Amino acid sequence: LGKLIQYDFIDGATATPLGRVICRHFLAPKAAF
């Protein structure tokens, strides 16, 4: 959870638009960056 907040993948208990795209395409965080 700490990493997801740091990466701007979530806002509270909700995925950000960036997080949703990353999730939809099964991207690992490093690959996403």
PDB file of all heavy atoms in Angstrom:
ATOM      1  N   LEU A   1       0.830  -1.211   0.000  1.00  0.00           N
ATOM      2  CA  LEU A   1       0.000   0.000   0.000  1.00  0.00           C
ATOM      3  C   LEU A   1       0.862   1.258   0.000  1.00  0.00           C
ATOM      4  O   LEU A   1       0.561   2.236  -0.703  1.00  0.00           O
ATOM      5  CB  LEU A   1      -0.921   0.000   1.223  1.00  0.00           C
ATOM      6  CG  LEU A   1      -2.083  -0.999   1.193  1.00  0.00           C
ATOM      7  CD1 LEU A   1      -2.769  -1.049   2.551  1.00  0.00           C
ATOM      8  CD2 LEU A   1      -3.084  -0.628   0.096  1.00  0.00           C
ATOM      9  N   GLY A   2       1.943   1.226   0.775  1.00  0.00           N
ATOM     10  CA  GLY A   2       2.851   2.374   0.799  1.00  0.00           C
ATOM     11  C   GLY A   2       3.440   2.642  -0.577  1.00  0.00           C
ATOM     12  O   GLY A   2       3.550   3.804  -1.007  1.00  0.00           O
ATOM     13  N   LYS A   3       3.829   1.594  -1.272  1.00  0.00           N
ATOM     14  CA  LYS A   3       4.394   1.754  -2.612  1.00  0.00           C
ATOM     15  C   LYS A   3       3.343   2.256  -3.598  1.00  0.00           C
ATOM     16  O   LYS A   3       3.635   3.084  -4.479  1.00  0.00           O
ATOM     17  CB  LYS A   3       4.977   0.421  -3.091  1.00  0.00           C
ATOM     18  CG  LYS A   3       6.268   0.022  -2.397  1.00  0.00           C
ATOM     19  CD  LYS A   3       7.389   0.996  -2.742  1.00  0.00           C
ATOM     20  CE  LYS A   3       8.693   0.620  -2.094  1.00  0.00           C
ATOM     21  NZ  LYS A   3       9.774   1.581  -2.402  1.00  0.00           N
ATOM     22  N   LEU A   4       2.109   1.764  -3.480  1.00  0.00           N
ATOM     23  CA  LEU A   4       1.040   2.204  -4.385  1.00  0.00           C
ATOM     24  C   LEU A   4       0.771   3.696  -4.231  1.00  0.00           C
ATOM     25  O   LEU A   4       0.524   4.405  -5.217  1.00  0.00           O
ATOM     26  CB  LEU A   4      -0.233   1.396  -4.112  1.00  0.00           C
ATOM     27  CG  LEU A   4      -0.213  -0.064  -4.576  1.00  0.00           C
ATOM     28  CD1 LEU A   4      -1.421  -0.815  -4.028  1.00  0.00           C
ATOM     29  CD2 LEU A   4      -0.198  -0.144  -6.105  1.00  0.00           C
ATOM     30  N   ILE A   5       0.807   4.172  -2.983  1.00  0.00           N
ATOM     31  CA  ILE A   5       0.633   5.613  -2.748  1.00  0.00           C
ATOM     32  C   ILE A   5       1.820   6.386  -3.318  1.00  0.00           C
ATOM     33  O   ILE A   5       1.660   7.423  -3.979  1.00  0.00           O
ATOM     34  CB  ILE A   5       0.475   5.886  -1.235  1.00  0.00           C
ATOM     35  CG1 ILE A   5      -0.829   5.260  -0.727  1.00  0.00           C
ATOM     36  CG2 ILE A   5       0.518   7.384  -0.947  1.00  0.00           C
ATOM     37  CD1 ILE A   5      -0.966   5.269   0.787  1.00  0.00           C
ATOM     38  N   GLN A   6       3.022   5.868  -3.066  1.00  0.00           N
ATOM     39  CA  GLN A   6       4.240   6.518  -3.573  1.00  0.00           C
ATOM     40  C   GLN A   6       4.235   6.598  -5.091  1.00  0.00           C
ATOM     41  O   GLN A   6       4.644   7.614  -5.674  1.00  0.00           O
ATOM     42  CB  GLN A   6       5.461   5.730  -3.087  1.00  0.00           C
ATOM     43  CG  GLN A   6       6.795   6.257  -3.615  1.00  0.00           C
ATOM     44  CD  GLN A   6       7.953   5.348  -3.216  1.00  0.00           C
ATOM     45  OE1 GLN A   6       7.872   4.606  -2.247  1.00  0.00           O
ATOM     46  NE2 GLN A   6       9.025   5.406  -3.988  1.00  0.00           N
ATOM     47  N   TYR A   7       3.758   5.545  -5.743  1.00  0.00           N
ATOM     48  CA  TYR A   7       3.751   5.504  -7.211  1.00  0.00           C
ATOM     49  C   TYR A   7       2.584   6.288  -7.812  1.00  0.00           C
ATOM     50  O   TYR A   7       2.471   6.399  -9.033  1.00  0.00           O
ATOM     51  CB  TYR A   7       3.651   4.054  -7.700  1.00  0.00           C
ATOM     52  CG  TYR A   7       4.817   3.170  -7.342  1.00  0.00           C
ATOM     53  CD1 TYR A   7       4.642   1.786  -7.283  1.00  0.00           C
ATOM     54  CD2 TYR A   7       6.081   3.685  -7.083  1.00  0.00           C
ATOM     55  CE1 TYR A   7       5.705   0.942  -6.969  1.00  0.00           C
ATOM     56  CE2 TYR A   7       7.135   2.854  -6.768  1.00  0.00           C
ATOM     57  CZ  TYR A   7       6.947   1.476  -6.714  1.00  0.00           C
ATOM     58  OH  TYR A   7       7.989   0.646  -6.408  1.00  0.00           O
ATOM     59  N   ASP A   8       1.657   6.793  -6.949  1.00  0.00           N
ATOM     60  CA  ASP A   8       0.450   7.486  -7.420  1.00  0.00           C
ATOM     61  C   ASP A   8      -0.464   6.525  -8.184  1.00  0.00           C
ATOM     62  O   ASP A   8      -1.131   6.902  -9.140  1.00  0.00           O
ATOM     63  CB  ASP A   8       0.810   8.683  -8.310  1.00  0.00           C
ATOM     64  CG  ASP A   8      -0.371   9.620  -8.519  1.00  0.00           C
ATOM     65  OD1 ASP A   8      -1.236   9.676  -7.617  1.00  0.00           O
ATOM     66  OD2 ASP A   8      -0.443  10.264  -9.583  1.00  0.00           O
ATOM     67  N   PHE A   9      -0.494   5.264  -7.733  1.00  0.00           N
ATOM     68  CA  PHE A   9      -1.395   4.268  -8.331  1.00  0.00           C
ATOM     69  C   PHE A   9      -2.740   4.236  -7.613  1.00  0.00           C
ATOM     70  O   PHE A   9      -3.722   3.753  -8.176  1.00  0.00           O
ATOM     71  CB  PHE A   9      -0.777   2.872  -8.271  1.00  0.00           C
ATOM     72  CG  PHE A   9       0.362   2.649  -9.237  1.00  0.00           C
ATOM     73  CD1 PHE A   9       1.074   1.453  -9.215  1.00  0.00           C
ATOM     74  CD2 PHE A   9       0.728   3.608 -10.163  1.00  0.00           C
ATOM     75  CE1 PHE A   9       2.119   1.227 -10.092  1.00  0.00           C
ATOM     76  CE2 PHE A   9       1.777   3.399 -11.045  1.00  0.00           C
ATOM     77  CZ  PHE A   9       2.485   2.203 -11.003  1.00  0.00           C
ATOM     78  N   ILE A  10      -2.787   4.724  -6.346  1.00  0.00           N
ATOM     79  CA  ILE A  10      -4.046   4.749  -5.603  1.00  0.00           C
ATOM     80  C   ILE A  10      -4.186   6.095  -4.892  1.00  0.00           C
ATOM     81  O   ILE A  10      -3.217   6.786  -4.610  1.00  0.00           O
ATOM     82  CB  ILE A  10      -4.137   3.608  -4.562  1.00  0.00           C
ATOM     83  CG1 ILE A  10      -3.035   3.723  -3.501  1.00  0.00           C
ATOM     84  CG2 ILE A  10      -4.098   2.246  -5.235  1.00  0.00           C
ATOM     85  CD1 ILE A  10      -3.190   2.739  -2.338  1.00  0.00           C
ATOM     86  N   ASP A  11      -5.429   6.424  -4.609  1.00  0.00           N
ATOM     87  CA  ASP A  11      -5.761   7.608  -3.811  1.00  0.00           C
ATOM     88  C   ASP A  11      -6.728   7.122  -2.739  1.00  0.00           C
ATOM     89  O   ASP A  11      -7.914   6.906  -3.008  1.00  0.00           O
ATOM     90  CB  ASP A  11      -6.410   8.674  -4.688  1.00  0.00           C
ATOM     91  CG  ASP A  11      -6.761   9.936  -3.905  1.00  0.00           C
ATOM     92  OD1 ASP A  11      -6.377  10.017  -2.721  1.00  0.00           O
ATOM     93  OD2 ASP A  11      -7.427  10.807  -4.468  1.00  0.00           O
ATOM     94  N   GLY A  12      -6.200   6.903  -1.536  1.00  0.00           N
ATOM     95  CA  GLY A  12      -7.013   6.287  -0.489  1.00  0.00           C
ATOM     96  C   GLY A  12      -7.280   4.836  -0.840  1.00  0.00           C
ATOM     97  O   GLY A  12      -6.364   4.063  -1.109  1.00  0.00           O
ATOM     98  N   ALA A  13      -8.574   4.464  -0.868  1.00  0.00           N
ATOM     99  CA  ALA A  13      -8.948   3.086  -1.207  1.00  0.00           C
ATOM    100  C   ALA A  13      -9.419   2.976  -2.652  1.00  0.00           C
ATOM    101  O   ALA A  13     -10.096   2.018  -3.028  1.00  0.00           O
ATOM    102  CB  ALA A  13     -10.039   2.599  -0.259  1.00  0.00           C
ATOM    103  N   THR A  14      -9.026   3.963  -3.467  1.00  0.00           N
ATOM    104  CA  THR A  14      -9.466   3.987  -4.869  1.00  0.00           C
ATOM    105  C   THR A  14      -8.257   4.066  -5.784  1.00  0.00           C
ATOM    106  O   THR A  14      -7.307   4.800  -5.521  1.00  0.00           O
ATOM    107  CB  THR A  14     -10.375   5.199  -5.134  1.00  0.00           C
ATOM    108  OG1 THR A  14     -11.466   5.172  -4.210  1.00  0.00           O
ATOM    109  CG2 THR A  14     -10.902   5.180  -6.563  1.00  0.00           C
ATOM    110  N   ALA A  15      -8.318   3.312  -6.861  1.00  0.00           N
ATOM    111  CA  ALA A  15      -7.238   3.366  -7.842  1.00  0.00           C
ATOM    112  C   ALA A  15      -7.342   4.650  -8.643  1.00  0.00           C
ATOM    113  O   ALA A  15      -8.432   5.100  -9.008  1.00  0.00           O
ATOM    114  CB  ALA A  15      -7.308   2.165  -8.770  1.00  0.00           C
ATOM    115  N   THR A  16      -6.199   5.276  -8.891  1.00  0.00           N
ATOM    116  CA  THR A  16      -6.156   6.458  -9.755  1.00  0.00           C
ATOM    117  C   THR A  16      -6.321   6.011 -11.204  1.00  0.00           C
ATOM    118  O   THR A  16      -6.191   4.821 -11.515  1.00  0.00           O
ATOM    119  CB  THR A  16      -4.814   7.182  -9.593  1.00  0.00           C
ATOM    120  OG1 THR A  16      -3.767   6.308 -10.032  1.00  0.00           O
ATOM    121  CG2 THR A  16      -4.579   7.585  -8.143  1.00  0.00           C
ATOM    122  N   PRO A  17      -6.619   6.953 -12.127  1.00  0.00           N
ATOM    123  CA  PRO A  17      -6.681   6.566 -13.549  1.00  0.00           C
ATOM    124  C   PRO A  17      -5.409   5.860 -14.010  1.00  0.00           C
ATOM    125  O   PRO A  17      -5.475   4.880 -14.774  1.00  0.00           O
ATOM    126  CB  PRO A  17      -6.884   7.906 -14.257  1.00  0.00           C
ATOM    127  CG  PRO A  17      -7.604   8.756 -13.252  1.00  0.00           C
ATOM    128  CD  PRO A  17      -7.019   8.362 -11.924  1.00  0.00           C
ATOM    129  N   LEU A  18      -4.240   6.341 -13.531  1.00  0.00           N
ATOM    130  CA  LEU A  18      -2.985   5.677 -13.880  1.00  0.00           C
ATOM    131  C   LEU A  18      -2.967   4.248 -13.328  1.00  0.00           C
ATOM    132  O   LEU A  18      -2.593   3.297 -14.028  1.00  0.00           O
ATOM    133  CB  LEU A  18      -1.799   6.466 -13.321  1.00  0.00           C
ATOM    134  CG  LEU A  18      -0.416   5.809 -13.474  1.00  0.00           C
ATOM    135  CD1 LEU A  18      -0.077   5.591 -14.946  1.00  0.00           C
ATOM    136  CD2 LEU A  18       0.656   6.651 -12.785  1.00  0.00           C
ATOM    137  N   GLY A  19      -3.380   4.097 -12.085  1.00  0.00           N
ATOM    138  CA  GLY A  19      -3.400   2.772 -11.472  1.00  0.00           C
ATOM    139  C   GLY A  19      -4.311   1.810 -12.212  1.00  0.00           C
ATOM    140  O   GLY A  19      -3.991   0.627 -12.373  1.00  0.00           O
ATOM    141  N   ARG A  20      -5.466   2.323 -12.671  1.00  0.00           N
ATOM    142  CA  ARG A  20      -6.398   1.451 -13.394  1.00  0.00           C
ATOM    143  C   ARG A  20      -5.802   0.982 -14.725  1.00  0.00           C
ATOM    144  O   ARG A  20      -5.974  -0.173 -15.123  1.00  0.00           O
ATOM    145  CB  ARG A  20      -7.725   2.175 -13.634  1.00  0.00           C
ATOM    146  CG  ARG A  20      -8.530   2.366 -12.366  1.00  0.00           C
ATOM    147  CD  ARG A  20      -9.913   2.936 -12.626  1.00  0.00           C
ATOM    148  NE  ARG A  20     -10.659   3.059 -11.382  1.00  0.00           N
ATOM    149  CZ  ARG A  20     -11.323   2.054 -10.807  1.00  0.00           C
ATOM    150  NH1 ARG A  20     -11.360   0.867 -11.403  1.00  0.00           N
ATOM    151  NH2 ARG A  20     -11.964   2.245  -9.664  1.00  0.00           N
ATOM    152  N   VAL A  21      -5.114   1.883 -15.411  1.00  0.00           N
ATOM    153  CA  VAL A  21      -4.483   1.497 -16.679  1.00  0.00           C
ATOM    154  C   VAL A  21      -3.399   0.449 -16.433  1.00  0.00           C
ATOM    155  O   VAL A  21      -3.303  -0.552 -17.158  1.00  0.00           O
ATOM    156  CB  VAL A  21      -3.888   2.735 -17.386  1.00  0.00           C
ATOM    157  CG1 VAL A  21      -3.047   2.305 -18.585  1.00  0.00           C
ATOM    158  CG2 VAL A  21      -5.002   3.678 -17.834  1.00  0.00           C
ATOM    159  N   ILE A  22      -2.585   0.676 -15.406  1.00  0.00           N
ATOM    160  CA  ILE A  22      -1.525  -0.272 -15.064  1.00  0.00           C
ATOM    161  C   ILE A  22      -2.125  -1.638 -14.750  1.00  0.00           C
ATOM    162  O   ILE A  22      -1.647  -2.677 -15.196  1.00  0.00           O
ATOM    163  CB  ILE A  22      -0.712   0.237 -13.842  1.00  0.00           C
ATOM    164  CG1 ILE A  22      -0.042   1.570 -14.151  1.00  0.00           C
ATOM    165  CG2 ILE A  22       0.314  -0.809 -13.415  1.00  0.00           C
ATOM    166  CD1 ILE A  22       0.899   1.542 -15.315  1.00  0.00           C
ATOM    167  N   CYS A  23      -3.209  -1.639 -13.984  1.00  0.00           N
ATOM    168  CA  CYS A  23      -3.875  -2.878 -13.586  1.00  0.00           C
ATOM    169  C   CYS A  23      -4.465  -3.602 -14.797  1.00  0.00           C
ATOM    170  O   CYS A  23      -4.311  -4.814 -14.954  1.00  0.00           O
ATOM    171  CB  CYS A  23      -4.966  -2.561 -12.565  1.00  0.00           C
ATOM    172  SG  CYS A  23      -5.984  -3.969 -12.094  1.00  0.00           S
ATOM    173  N   ARG A  24      -5.150  -2.833 -15.667  1.00  0.00           N
ATOM    174  CA  ARG A  24      -5.835  -3.433 -16.817  1.00  0.00           C
ATOM    175  C   ARG A  24      -4.856  -4.146 -17.745  1.00  0.00           C
ATOM    176  O   ARG A  24      -5.195  -5.149 -18.356  1.00  0.00           O
ATOM    177  CB  ARG A  24      -6.590  -2.336 -17.574  1.00  0.00           C
ATOM    178  CG  ARG A  24      -7.346  -2.843 -18.796  1.00  0.00           C
ATOM    179  CD  ARG A  24      -8.100  -1.715 -19.477  1.00  0.00           C
ATOM    180  NE  ARG A  24      -9.108  -1.153 -18.576  1.00  0.00           N
ATOM    181  CZ  ARG A  24      -9.229   0.147 -18.310  1.00  0.00           C
ATOM    182  NH1 ARG A  24      -8.392   1.018 -18.860  1.00  0.00           N
ATOM    183  NH2 ARG A  24     -10.165   0.570 -17.492  1.00  0.00           N
ATOM    184  N   HIS A  25      -3.628  -3.644 -17.817  1.00  0.00           N
ATOM    185  CA  HIS A  25      -2.651  -4.206 -18.751  1.00  0.00           C
ATOM    186  C   HIS A  25      -1.618  -5.112 -18.069  1.00  0.00           C
ATOM    187  O   HIS A  25      -0.628  -5.481 -18.681  1.00  0.00           O
ATOM    188  CB  HIS A  25      -1.948  -3.071 -19.504  1.00  0.00           C
ATOM    189  CG  HIS A  25      -2.857  -2.343 -20.445  1.00  0.00           C
ATOM    190  ND1 HIS A  25      -3.214  -2.844 -21.673  1.00  0.00           N
ATOM    191  CD2 HIS A  25      -3.518  -1.154 -20.326  1.00  0.00           C
ATOM    192  CE1 HIS A  25      -4.036  -2.011 -22.282  1.00  0.00           C
ATOM    193  NE2 HIS A  25      -4.232  -0.967 -21.480  1.00  0.00           N
ATOM    194  N   PHE A  26      -1.877  -5.476 -16.818  1.00  0.00           N
ATOM    195  CA  PHE A  26      -1.019  -6.428 -16.100  1.00  0.00           C
ATOM    196  C   PHE A  26       0.446  -5.977 -16.089  1.00  0.00           C
ATOM    197  O   PHE A  26       1.362  -6.788 -16.249  1.00  0.00           O
ATOM    198  CB  PHE A  26      -1.112  -7.828 -16.728  1.00  0.00           C
ATOM    199  CG  PHE A  26      -2.464  -8.462 -16.626  1.00  0.00           C
ATOM    200  CD1 PHE A  26      -3.468  -8.169 -17.537  1.00  0.00           C
ATOM    201  CD2 PHE A  26      -2.736  -9.361 -15.603  1.00  0.00           C
ATOM    202  CE1 PHE A  26      -4.724  -8.755 -17.444  1.00  0.00           C
ATOM    203  CE2 PHE A  26      -3.995  -9.956 -15.502  1.00  0.00           C
ATOM    204  CZ  PHE A  26      -4.995  -9.653 -16.416  1.00  0.00           C
ATOM    205  N   LEU A  27       0.658  -4.684 -15.905  1.00  0.00           N
ATOM    206  CA  LEU A  27       2.025  -4.179 -15.931  1.00  0.00           C
ATOM    207  C   LEU A  27       2.654  -4.229 -14.539  1.00  0.00           C
ATOM    208  O   LEU A  27       2.033  -3.835 -13.558  1.00  0.00           O
ATOM    209  CB  LEU A  27       2.045  -2.729 -16.428  1.00  0.00           C
ATOM    210  CG  LEU A  27       1.747  -2.519 -17.912  1.00  0.00           C
ATOM    211  CD1 LEU A  27       1.652  -1.022 -18.207  1.00  0.00           C
ATOM    212  CD2 LEU A  27       2.814  -3.155 -18.771  1.00  0.00           C
ATOM    213  N   ALA A  28       3.885  -4.702 -14.482  1.00  0.00           N
ATOM    214  CA  ALA A  28       4.649  -4.596 -13.248  1.00  0.00           C
ATOM    215  C   ALA A  28       5.036  -3.135 -13.060  1.00  0.00           C
ATOM    216  O   ALA A  28       5.218  -2.396 -14.040  1.00  0.00           O
ATOM    217  CB  ALA A  28       5.894  -5.477 -13.319  1.00  0.00           C
ATOM    218  N   PRO A  29       5.172  -2.665 -11.835  1.00  0.00           N
ATOM    219  CA  PRO A  29       5.464  -1.238 -11.602  1.00  0.00           C
ATOM    220  C   PRO A  29       6.687  -0.736 -12.370  1.00  0.00           C
ATOM    221  O   PRO A  29       6.637   0.340 -12.982  1.00  0.00           O
ATOM    222  CB  PRO A  29       5.688  -1.172 -10.089  1.00  0.00           C
ATOM    223  CG  PRO A  29       4.880  -2.297  -9.541  1.00  0.00           C
ATOM    224  CD  PRO A  29       4.968  -3.380 -10.565  1.00  0.00           C
ATOM    225  N   LYS A  30       7.793  -1.485 -12.346  1.00  0.00           N
ATOM    226  CA  LYS A  30       9.001  -1.020 -13.025  1.00  0.00           C
ATOM    227  C   LYS A  30       8.765  -0.881 -14.523  1.00  0.00           C
ATOM    228  O   LYS A  30       9.215   0.087 -15.148  1.00  0.00           O
ATOM    229  CB  LYS A  30      10.158  -1.981 -12.748  1.00  0.00           C
ATOM    230  CG  LYS A  30      10.688  -1.913 -11.319  1.00  0.00           C
ATOM    231  CD  LYS A  30      11.886  -2.840 -11.126  1.00  0.00           C
ATOM    232  CE  LYS A  30      12.406  -2.756  -9.700  1.00  0.00           C
ATOM    233  NZ  LYS A  30      13.570  -3.658  -9.478  1.00  0.00           N
ATOM    234  N   ALA A  31       8.048  -1.860 -15.099  1.00  0.00           N
ATOM    235  CA  ALA A  31       7.752  -1.776 -16.533  1.00  0.00           C
ATOM    236  C   ALA A  31       6.867  -0.572 -16.830  1.00  0.00           C
ATOM    237  O   ALA A  31       7.032   0.111 -17.853  1.00  0.00           O
ATOM    238  CB  ALA A  31       7.081  -3.070 -17.002  1.00  0.00           C
ATOM    239  N   ALA A  32       5.932  -0.298 -15.927  1.00  0.00           N
ATOM    240  CA  ALA A  32       5.046   0.851 -16.122  1.00  0.00           C
ATOM    241  C   ALA A  32       5.838   2.151 -16.131  1.00  0.00           C
ATOM    242  O   ALA A  32       5.606   3.034 -16.978  1.00  0.00           O
ATOM    243  CB  ALA A  32       3.995   0.888 -15.008  1.00  0.00           C
ATOM    244  N   PHE A  33       6.796   2.278 -15.228  1.00  0.00           N
ATOM    245  CA  PHE A  33       7.576   3.510 -15.165  1.00  0.00           C
ATOM    246  C   PHE A  33       8.490   3.670 -16.374  1.00  0.00           C
ATOM    247  O   PHE A  33       8.697   4.779 -16.870  1.00  0.00           O
ATOM    248  CB  PHE A  33       8.381   3.552 -13.869  1.00  0.00           C
ATOM    249  CG  PHE A  33       7.532   3.781 -12.649  1.00  0.00           C
ATOM    250  CD1 PHE A  33       7.652   2.971 -11.539  1.00  0.00           C
ATOM    251  CD2 PHE A  33       6.587   4.800 -12.629  1.00  0.00           C
ATOM    252  CE1 PHE A  33       6.863   3.175 -10.425  1.00  0.00           C
ATOM    253  CE2 PHE A  33       5.796   5.013 -11.518  1.00  0.00           C
ATOM    254  CZ  PHE A  33       5.922   4.195 -10.404  1.00  0.00           C
TER     255      PHE A  33
END
